[in-house]
PDB file of all heavy atoms in Angstrom:
ATOM      1  N   GLN A   1     131.238  -9.624 155.211  1.00  0.00           N
ATOM      2  CA  GLN A   1     131.673  -9.975 153.871  1.00  0.00           C
ATOM      3  C   GLN A   1     133.178 -10.264 153.829  1.00  0.00           C
ATOM      4  O   GLN A   1     133.824 -10.225 152.768  1.00  0.00           O
ATOM      5  CB  GLN A   1     131.326  -8.869 152.891  1.00  0.00           C
ATOM      6  CG  GLN A   1     129.832  -8.625 152.747  1.00  0.00           C
ATOM      7  CD  GLN A   1     129.498  -7.675 151.623  1.00  0.00           C
ATOM      8  OE1 GLN A   1     129.875  -7.904 150.456  1.00  0.00           O
ATOM      9  NE2 GLN A   1     128.783  -6.604 151.917  1.00  0.00           N
ATOM     10  N   ASN A   2     133.755 -10.618 155.000  1.00  0.00           N
ATOM     11  CA  ASN A   2     135.175 -10.954 155.114  1.00  0.00           C
ATOM     12  C   ASN A   2     136.106  -9.838 154.721  1.00  0.00           C
ATOM     13  O   ASN A   2     137.242 -10.065 154.277  1.00  0.00           O
ATOM     14  CB  ASN A   2     135.496 -12.225 154.325  1.00  0.00           C
ATOM     15  CG  ASN A   2     134.999 -13.496 155.008  1.00  0.00           C
ATOM     16  OD1 ASN A   2     134.992 -13.559 156.234  1.00  0.00           O
ATOM     17  ND2 ASN A   2     134.573 -14.458 154.234  1.00  0.00           N
ATOM     18  N   ILE A   3     135.678  -8.606 154.889  1.00  0.00           N
ATOM     19  CA  ILE A   3     136.560  -7.447 154.754  1.00  0.00           C
ATOM     20  C   ILE A   3     136.900  -6.975 156.156  1.00  0.00           C
ATOM     21  O   ILE A   3     136.014  -6.542 156.935  1.00  0.00           O
ATOM     22  CB  ILE A   3     135.896  -6.302 153.964  1.00  0.00           C
ATOM     23  CG1 ILE A   3     135.417  -6.772 152.592  1.00  0.00           C
ATOM     24  CG2 ILE A   3     136.859  -5.118 153.852  1.00  0.00           C
ATOM     25  CD1 ILE A   3     136.514  -7.239 151.668  1.00  0.00           C
ATOM     26  N   MET A   4     138.167  -7.086 156.523  1.00  0.00           N
ATOM     27  CA  MET A   4     138.578  -6.648 157.864  1.00  0.00           C
ATOM     28  C   MET A   4     138.408  -5.146 157.997  1.00  0.00           C
ATOM     29  O   MET A   4     138.913  -4.380 157.165  1.00  0.00           O
ATOM     30  CB  MET A   4     140.019  -7.047 158.124  1.00  0.00           C
ATOM     31  CG  MET A   4     140.220  -8.521 158.369  1.00  0.00           C
ATOM     32  SD  MET A   4     141.956  -9.042 158.327  1.00  0.00           S
ATOM     33  CE  MET A   4     142.162  -9.198 156.552  1.00  0.00           C
ATOM     34  N   ALA A   5     137.724  -4.708 159.026  1.00  0.00           N
ATOM     35  CA  ALA A   5     137.597  -3.284 159.301  1.00  0.00           C
ATOM     36  C   ALA A   5     138.698  -2.880 160.286  1.00  0.00           C
ATOM     37  O   ALA A   5     139.095  -3.664 161.159  1.00  0.00           O
ATOM     38  CB  ALA A   5     136.215  -3.001 159.927  1.00  0.00           C
ATOM     39  N   VAL A   6     139.187  -1.673 160.125  1.00  0.00           N
ATOM     40  CA  VAL A   6     140.239  -1.124 161.009  1.00  0.00           C
ATOM     41  C   VAL A   6     139.719   0.203 161.577  1.00  0.00           C
ATOM     42  O   VAL A   6     139.574   1.186 160.848  1.00  0.00           O
ATOM     43  CB  VAL A   6     141.560  -0.913 160.263  1.00  0.00           C
ATOM     44  CG1 VAL A   6     142.606  -0.288 161.188  1.00  0.00           C
ATOM     45  CG2 VAL A   6     142.066  -2.237 159.703  1.00  0.00           C
ATOM     46  N   ALA A   7     139.414   0.217 162.870  1.00  0.00           N
ATOM     47  CA  ALA A   7     138.932   1.427 163.522  1.00  0.00           C
ATOM     48  C   ALA A   7     140.117   2.346 163.812  1.00  0.00           C
ATOM     49  O   ALA A   7     141.163   1.906 164.322  1.00  0.00           O
ATOM     50  CB  ALA A   7     138.183   1.068 164.796  1.00  0.00           C
ATOM     51  N   LYS A   8     139.949   3.627 163.546  1.00  0.00           N
ATOM     52  CA  LYS A   8     141.061   4.576 163.724  1.00  0.00           C
ATOM     53  C   LYS A   8     140.524   5.922 164.212  1.00  0.00           C
ATOM     54  O   LYS A   8     139.315   6.185 164.074  1.00  0.00           O
ATOM     55  CB  LYS A   8     141.849   4.723 162.428  1.00  0.00           C
ATOM     56  CG  LYS A   8     141.002   5.216 161.232  1.00  0.00           C
ATOM     57  CD  LYS A   8     141.824   5.183 159.943  1.00  0.00           C
ATOM     58  CE  LYS A   8     141.059   5.820 158.788  1.00  0.00           C
ATOM     59  NZ  LYS A   8     141.750   5.686 157.516  1.00  0.00           N
ATOM     60  N   HIS A   9     141.378   6.725 164.887  1.00  0.00           N
ATOM     61  CA  HIS A   9     142.815   6.596 165.140  1.00  0.00           C
ATOM     62  C   HIS A   9     142.979   6.591 166.653  1.00  0.00           C
ATOM     63  O   HIS A   9     142.878   7.647 167.279  1.00  0.00           O
ATOM     64  CB  HIS A   9     143.568   7.762 164.560  1.00  0.00           C
ATOM     65  CG  HIS A   9     143.333   8.019 163.105  1.00  0.00           C
ATOM     66  ND1 HIS A   9     142.215   8.665 162.607  1.00  0.00           N
ATOM     67  CD2 HIS A   9     144.101   7.700 162.016  1.00  0.00           C
ATOM     68  CE1 HIS A   9     142.285   8.762 161.293  1.00  0.00           C
ATOM     69  NE2 HIS A   9     143.406   8.180 160.889  1.00  0.00           N
ATOM     70  N   PHE A  10     143.183   5.429 167.244  1.00  0.00           N
ATOM     71  CA  PHE A  10     143.191   5.237 168.687  1.00  0.00           C
ATOM     72  C   PHE A  10     144.347   6.027 169.313  1.00  0.00           C
ATOM     73  O   PHE A  10     145.463   6.043 168.784  1.00  0.00           O
ATOM     74  CB  PHE A  10     143.377   3.733 168.995  1.00  0.00           C
ATOM     75  CG  PHE A  10     143.232   3.407 170.444  1.00  0.00           C
ATOM     76  CD1 PHE A  10     141.995   3.120 170.978  1.00  0.00           C
ATOM     77  CD2 PHE A  10     144.357   3.377 171.272  1.00  0.00           C
ATOM     78  CE1 PHE A  10     141.860   2.791 172.344  1.00  0.00           C
ATOM     79  CE2 PHE A  10     144.233   3.095 172.624  1.00  0.00           C
ATOM     80  CZ  PHE A  10     142.989   2.800 173.152  1.00  0.00           C
ATOM     81  N   PRO A  11     144.106   6.636 170.486  1.00  0.00           N
ATOM     82  CA  PRO A  11     142.865   6.696 171.279  1.00  0.00           C
ATOM     83  C   PRO A  11     141.950   7.874 170.937  1.00  0.00           C
ATOM     84  O   PRO A  11     141.075   8.218 171.732  1.00  0.00           O
ATOM     85  CB  PRO A  11     143.394   6.817 172.705  1.00  0.00           C
ATOM     86  CG  PRO A  11     144.664   7.588 172.568  1.00  0.00           C
ATOM     87  CD  PRO A  11     145.294   7.140 171.281  1.00  0.00           C
ATOM     88  N   GLY A  12     142.121   8.463 169.759  1.00  0.00           N
ATOM     89  CA  GLY A  12     141.235   9.538 169.293  1.00  0.00           C
ATOM     90  C   GLY A  12     142.006  10.792 168.923  1.00  0.00           C
ATOM     91  O   GLY A  12     142.801  11.288 169.726  1.00  0.00           O
ATOM     92  N   ILE A  13     141.759  11.281 167.701  1.00  0.00           N
ATOM     93  CA  ILE A  13     142.452  12.512 167.267  1.00  0.00           C
ATOM     94  C   ILE A  13     141.490  13.636 166.916  1.00  0.00           C
ATOM     95  O   ILE A  13     141.880  14.638 166.331  1.00  0.00           O
ATOM     96  CB  ILE A  13     143.394  12.253 166.074  1.00  0.00           C
ATOM     97  CG1 ILE A  13     142.608  11.765 164.829  1.00  0.00           C
ATOM     98  CG2 ILE A  13     144.455  11.231 166.431  1.00  0.00           C
ATOM     99  CD1 ILE A  13     143.480  11.626 163.609  1.00  0.00           C
ATOM    100  N   GLY A  14     140.230  13.489 167.318  1.00  0.00           N
ATOM    101  CA  GLY A  14     139.246  14.502 166.995  1.00  0.00           C
ATOM    102  C   GLY A  14     139.510  15.851 167.622  1.00  0.00           C
ATOM    103  O   GLY A  14     139.037  16.876 167.134  1.00  0.00           O
ATOM    104  N   ARG A  15     140.291  15.869 168.706  1.00  0.00           N
ATOM    105  CA  ARG A  15     140.576  17.124 169.411  1.00  0.00           C
ATOM    106  C   ARG A  15     141.754  17.900 168.825  1.00  0.00           C
ATOM    107  O   ARG A  15     142.072  18.980 169.273  1.00  0.00           O
ATOM    108  CB  ARG A  15     140.894  16.831 170.890  1.00  0.00           C
ATOM    109  CG  ARG A  15     139.792  16.128 171.669  1.00  0.00           C
ATOM    110  CD  ARG A  15     140.370  15.715 173.026  1.00  0.00           C
ATOM    111  NE  ARG A  15     139.458  14.878 173.803  1.00  0.00           N
ATOM    112  CZ  ARG A  15     138.682  15.322 174.797  1.00  0.00           C
ATOM    113  NH1 ARG A  15     138.709  16.600 175.114  1.00  0.00           N
ATOM    114  NH2 ARG A  15     137.898  14.488 175.465  1.00  0.00           N
ATOM    115  N   THR A  16     142.434  17.312 167.826  1.00  0.00           N
ATOM    116  CA  THR A  16     143.669  17.914 167.313  1.00  0.00           C
ATOM    117  C   THR A  16     143.435  18.794 166.109  1.00  0.00           C
ATOM    118  O   THR A  16     142.510  18.574 165.312  1.00  0.00           O
ATOM    119  CB  THR A  16     144.706  16.841 166.968  1.00  0.00           C
ATOM    120  OG1 THR A  16     144.162  15.966 165.958  1.00  0.00           O
ATOM    121  CG2 THR A  16     145.073  16.017 168.178  1.00  0.00           C
ATOM    122  N   THR A  17     144.315  19.779 165.950  1.00  0.00           N
ATOM    123  CA  THR A  17     144.217  20.718 164.818  1.00  0.00           C
ATOM    124  C   THR A  17     145.439  20.682 163.910  1.00  0.00           C
ATOM    125  O   THR A  17     145.408  21.246 162.819  1.00  0.00           O
ATOM    126  CB  THR A  17     144.029  22.157 165.338  1.00  0.00           C
ATOM    127  OG1 THR A  17     145.122  22.494 166.192  1.00  0.00           O
ATOM    128  CG2 THR A  17     142.726  22.289 166.130  1.00  0.00           C
ATOM    129  N   LEU A  18     146.523  20.051 164.367  1.00  0.00           N
ATOM    130  CA  LEU A  18     147.718  19.921 163.548  1.00  0.00           C
ATOM    131  C   LEU A  18     147.674  18.578 162.824  1.00  0.00           C
ATOM    132  O   LEU A  18     147.397  17.543 163.446  1.00  0.00           O
ATOM    133  CB  LEU A  18     148.986  20.005 164.409  1.00  0.00           C
ATOM    134  CG  LEU A  18     150.320  19.719 163.713  1.00  0.00           C
ATOM    135  CD1 LEU A  18     150.611  20.746 162.619  1.00  0.00           C
ATOM    136  CD2 LEU A  18     151.469  19.694 164.736  1.00  0.00           C
ATOM    137  N   ASP A  19     147.955  18.548 161.543  1.00  0.00           N
ATOM    138  CA  ASP A  19     147.912  17.331 160.740  1.00  0.00           C
ATOM    139  C   ASP A  19     149.217  16.552 160.964  1.00  0.00           C
ATOM    140  O   ASP A  19     150.318  17.045 160.724  1.00  0.00           O
ATOM    141  CB  ASP A  19     147.805  17.718 159.253  1.00  0.00           C
ATOM    142  CG  ASP A  19     147.579  16.524 158.351  1.00  0.00           C
ATOM    143  OD1 ASP A  19     147.824  15.367 158.792  1.00  0.00           O
ATOM    144  OD2 ASP A  19     147.181  16.710 157.182  1.00  0.00           O
ATOM    145  N   SER A  20     149.089  15.310 161.418  1.00  0.00           N
ATOM    146  CA  SER A  20     150.266  14.499 161.702  1.00  0.00           C
ATOM    147  C   SER A  20     151.023  14.069 160.447  1.00  0.00           C
ATOM    148  O   SER A  20     152.135  13.538 160.542  1.00  0.00           O
ATOM    149  CB  SER A  20     149.900  13.260 162.538  1.00  0.00           C
ATOM    150  OG  SER A  20     148.868  12.523 161.911  1.00  0.00           O
ATOM    151  N   HIS A  21     150.445  14.296 159.271  1.00  0.00           N
ATOM    152  CA  HIS A  21     151.230  14.116 158.027  1.00  0.00           C
ATOM    153  C   HIS A  21     152.400  15.100 158.001  1.00  0.00           C
ATOM    154  O   HIS A  21     153.440  14.848 157.401  1.00  0.00           O
ATOM    155  CB  HIS A  21     150.365  14.333 156.782  1.00  0.00           C
ATOM    156  CG  HIS A  21     149.406  13.209 156.529  1.00  0.00           C
ATOM    157  ND1 HIS A  21     148.180  13.143 157.141  1.00  0.00           N
ATOM    158  CD2 HIS A  21     149.493  12.122 155.744  1.00  0.00           C
ATOM    159  CE1 HIS A  21     147.537  12.048 156.733  1.00  0.00           C
ATOM    160  NE2 HIS A  21     148.340  11.398 155.881  1.00  0.00           N
ATOM    161  N   LEU A  22     152.222  16.247 158.667  1.00  0.00           N
ATOM    162  CA  LEU A  22     153.227  17.313 158.634  1.00  0.00           C
ATOM    163  C   LEU A  22     154.157  17.243 159.822  1.00  0.00           C
ATOM    164  O   LEU A  22     155.375  17.354 159.689  1.00  0.00           O
ATOM    165  CB  LEU A  22     152.519  18.656 158.591  1.00  0.00           C
ATOM    166  CG  LEU A  22     151.522  18.864 157.463  1.00  0.00           C
ATOM    167  CD1 LEU A  22     150.838  20.218 157.603  1.00  0.00           C
ATOM    168  CD2 LEU A  22     152.208  18.756 156.100  1.00  0.00           C
ATOM    169  N   ASP A  23     153.607  17.068 161.018  1.00  0.00           N
ATOM    170  CA  ASP A  23     154.430  16.994 162.212  1.00  0.00           C
ATOM    171  C   ASP A  23     153.586  16.386 163.346  1.00  0.00           C
ATOM    172  O   ASP A  23     152.404  16.096 163.145  1.00  0.00           O
ATOM    173  CB  ASP A  23     154.961  18.350 162.617  1.00  0.00           C
ATOM    174  CG  ASP A  23     156.330  18.276 163.297  1.00  0.00           C
ATOM    175  OD1 ASP A  23     156.632  17.211 163.899  1.00  0.00           O
ATOM    176  OD2 ASP A  23     157.094  19.253 163.238  1.00  0.00           O
ATOM    177  N   MET A  24     154.206  16.206 164.497  1.00  0.00           N
ATOM    178  CA  MET A  24     153.540  15.493 165.583  1.00  0.00           C
ATOM    179  C   MET A  24     152.698  16.445 166.452  1.00  0.00           C
ATOM    180  O   MET A  24     153.229  17.302 167.126  1.00  0.00           O
ATOM    181  CB  MET A  24     154.558  14.801 166.476  1.00  0.00           C
ATOM    182  CG  MET A  24     153.893  13.898 167.511  1.00  0.00           C
ATOM    183  SD  MET A  24     155.067  13.314 168.731  1.00  0.00           S
ATOM    184  CE  MET A  24     156.213  12.429 167.692  1.00  0.00           C
ATOM    185  N   PRO A  25     151.381  16.256 166.452  1.00  0.00           N
ATOM    186  CA  PRO A  25     150.553  17.018 167.368  1.00  0.00           C
ATOM    187  C   PRO A  25     150.717  16.520 168.805  1.00  0.00           C
ATOM    188  O   PRO A  25     151.044  15.354 169.029  1.00  0.00           O
ATOM    189  CB  PRO A  25     149.128  16.726 166.875  1.00  0.00           C
ATOM    190  CG  PRO A  25     149.279  16.111 165.528  1.00  0.00           C
ATOM    191  CD  PRO A  25     150.595  15.399 165.567  1.00  0.00           C
ATOM    192  N   GLU A  26     150.474  17.406 169.757  1.00  0.00           N
ATOM    193  CA  GLU A  26     150.446  17.031 171.155  1.00  0.00           C
ATOM    194  C   GLU A  26     149.085  17.357 171.725  1.00  0.00           C
ATOM    195  O   GLU A  26     148.472  18.349 171.331  1.00  0.00           O
ATOM    196  CB  GLU A  26     151.539  17.765 171.946  1.00  0.00           C
ATOM    197  CG  GLU A  26     152.939  17.311 171.593  1.00  0.00           C
ATOM    198  CD  GLU A  26     154.004  17.865 172.538  1.00  0.00           C
ATOM    199  OE1 GLU A  26     153.677  18.828 173.290  1.00  0.00           O
ATOM    200  OE2 GLU A  26     155.121  17.337 172.535  1.00  0.00           O
ATOM    201  N   LEU A  27     148.643  16.510 172.627  1.00  0.00           N
ATOM    202  CA  LEU A  27     147.318  16.675 173.205  1.00  0.00           C
ATOM    203  C   LEU A  27     147.399  16.455 174.692  1.00  0.00           C
ATOM    204  O   LEU A  27     147.831  15.382 175.161  1.00  0.00           O
ATOM    205  CB  LEU A  27     146.347  15.697 172.548  1.00  0.00           C
ATOM    206  CG  LEU A  27     144.857  15.877 172.828  1.00  0.00           C
ATOM    207  CD1 LEU A  27     144.369  17.234 172.366  1.00  0.00           C
ATOM    208  CD2 LEU A  27     144.052  14.776 172.112  1.00  0.00           C
ATOM    209  N   SER A  28     147.000  17.433 175.472  1.00  0.00           N
ATOM    210  CA  SER A  28     147.030  17.328 176.919  1.00  0.00           C
ATOM    211  C   SER A  28     145.637  16.962 177.430  1.00  0.00           C
ATOM    212  O   SER A  28     144.809  17.837 177.709  1.00  0.00           O
ATOM    213  CB  SER A  28     147.519  18.629 177.551  1.00  0.00           C
ATOM    214  OG  SER A  28     147.514  18.543 178.959  1.00  0.00           O
ATOM    215  N   VAL A  29     145.385  15.653 177.509  1.00  0.00           N
ATOM    216  CA  VAL A  29     144.133  15.160 178.029  1.00  0.00           C
ATOM    217  C   VAL A  29     144.448  14.004 178.960  1.00  0.00           C
ATOM    218  O   VAL A  29     145.349  13.203 178.683  1.00  0.00           O
ATOM    219  CB  VAL A  29     143.156  14.716 176.932  1.00  0.00           C
ATOM    220  CG1 VAL A  29     142.622  15.891 176.156  1.00  0.00           C
ATOM    221  CG2 VAL A  29     143.835  13.692 175.981  1.00  0.00           C
ATOM    222  N   THR A  30     143.667  13.852 180.018  1.00  0.00           N
ATOM    223  CA  THR A  30     143.873  12.764 180.933  1.00  0.00           C
ATOM    224  C   THR A  30     143.178  11.520 180.418  1.00  0.00           C
ATOM    225  O   THR A  30     142.363  11.554 179.494  1.00  0.00           O
ATOM    226  CB  THR A  30     143.292  13.121 182.310  1.00  0.00           C
ATOM    227  OG1 THR A  30     141.856  13.222 182.191  1.00  0.00           O
ATOM    228  CG2 THR A  30     143.887  14.429 182.844  1.00  0.00           C
ATOM    229  N   LYS A  31     143.505  10.409 181.068  1.00  0.00           N
ATOM    230  CA  LYS A  31     142.826   9.167 180.726  1.00  0.00           C
ATOM    231  C   LYS A  31     141.321   9.291 180.973  1.00  0.00           C
ATOM    232  O   LYS A  31     140.503   8.781 180.199  1.00  0.00           O
ATOM    233  CB  LYS A  31     143.409   8.005 181.551  1.00  0.00           C
ATOM    234  CG  LYS A  31     142.799   6.662 181.209  1.00  0.00           C
ATOM    235  CD  LYS A  31     143.299   5.586 182.138  1.00  0.00           C
ATOM    236  CE  LYS A  31     142.486   4.324 181.962  1.00  0.00           C
ATOM    237  NZ  LYS A  31     142.740   3.329 183.033  1.00  0.00           N
ATOM    238  N   ASN A  32     140.916   9.988 182.025  1.00  0.00           N
ATOM    239  CA  ASN A  32     139.506  10.192 182.305  1.00  0.00           C
ATOM    240  C   ASN A  32     138.847  11.005 181.206  1.00  0.00           C
ATOM    241  O   ASN A  32     137.689  10.738 180.841  1.00  0.00           O
ATOM    242  CB  ASN A  32     139.328  10.896 183.651  1.00  0.00           C
ATOM    243  CG  ASN A  32     139.608   9.970 184.821  1.00  0.00           C
ATOM    244  OD1 ASN A  32     139.564   8.762 184.688  1.00  0.00           O
ATOM    245  ND2 ASN A  32     139.888  10.569 185.995  1.00  0.00           N
ATOM    246  N   ASP A  33     139.547  11.990 180.664  1.00  0.00           N
ATOM    247  CA  ASP A  33     139.016  12.794 179.539  1.00  0.00           C
ATOM    248  C   ASP A  33     138.746  11.859 178.343  1.00  0.00           C
ATOM    249  O   ASP A  33     137.684  11.947 177.713  1.00  0.00           O
ATOM    250  CB  ASP A  33     140.015  13.867 179.107  1.00  0.00           C
ATOM    251  CG  ASP A  33     140.215  14.953 180.158  1.00  0.00           C
ATOM    252  OD1 ASP A  33     139.269  15.213 180.909  1.00  0.00           O
ATOM    253  OD2 ASP A  33     141.311  15.529 180.207  1.00  0.00           O
ATOM    254  N   LEU A  34     139.696  11.002 178.060  1.00  0.00           N
ATOM    255  CA  LEU A  34     139.544  10.084 176.940  1.00  0.00           C
ATOM    256  C   LEU A  34     138.389   9.097 177.170  1.00  0.00           C
ATOM    257  O   LEU A  34     137.578   8.860 176.279  1.00  0.00           O
ATOM    258  CB  LEU A  34     140.837   9.318 176.696  1.00  0.00           C
ATOM    259  CG  LEU A  34     142.050  10.113 176.195  1.00  0.00           C
ATOM    260  CD1 LEU A  34     143.286   9.227 176.171  1.00  0.00           C
ATOM    261  CD2 LEU A  34     141.782  10.678 174.808  1.00  0.00           C
TER     262      LEU A  34
END
């Protein structure tokens, strides 16, 4: 229907518990993990 979709949040934030609205989360995962 000509509505551009935007997939988010690359490369994935499902593993994080800190909200980036507040501060920067860090995630220690390898490329293979991703």
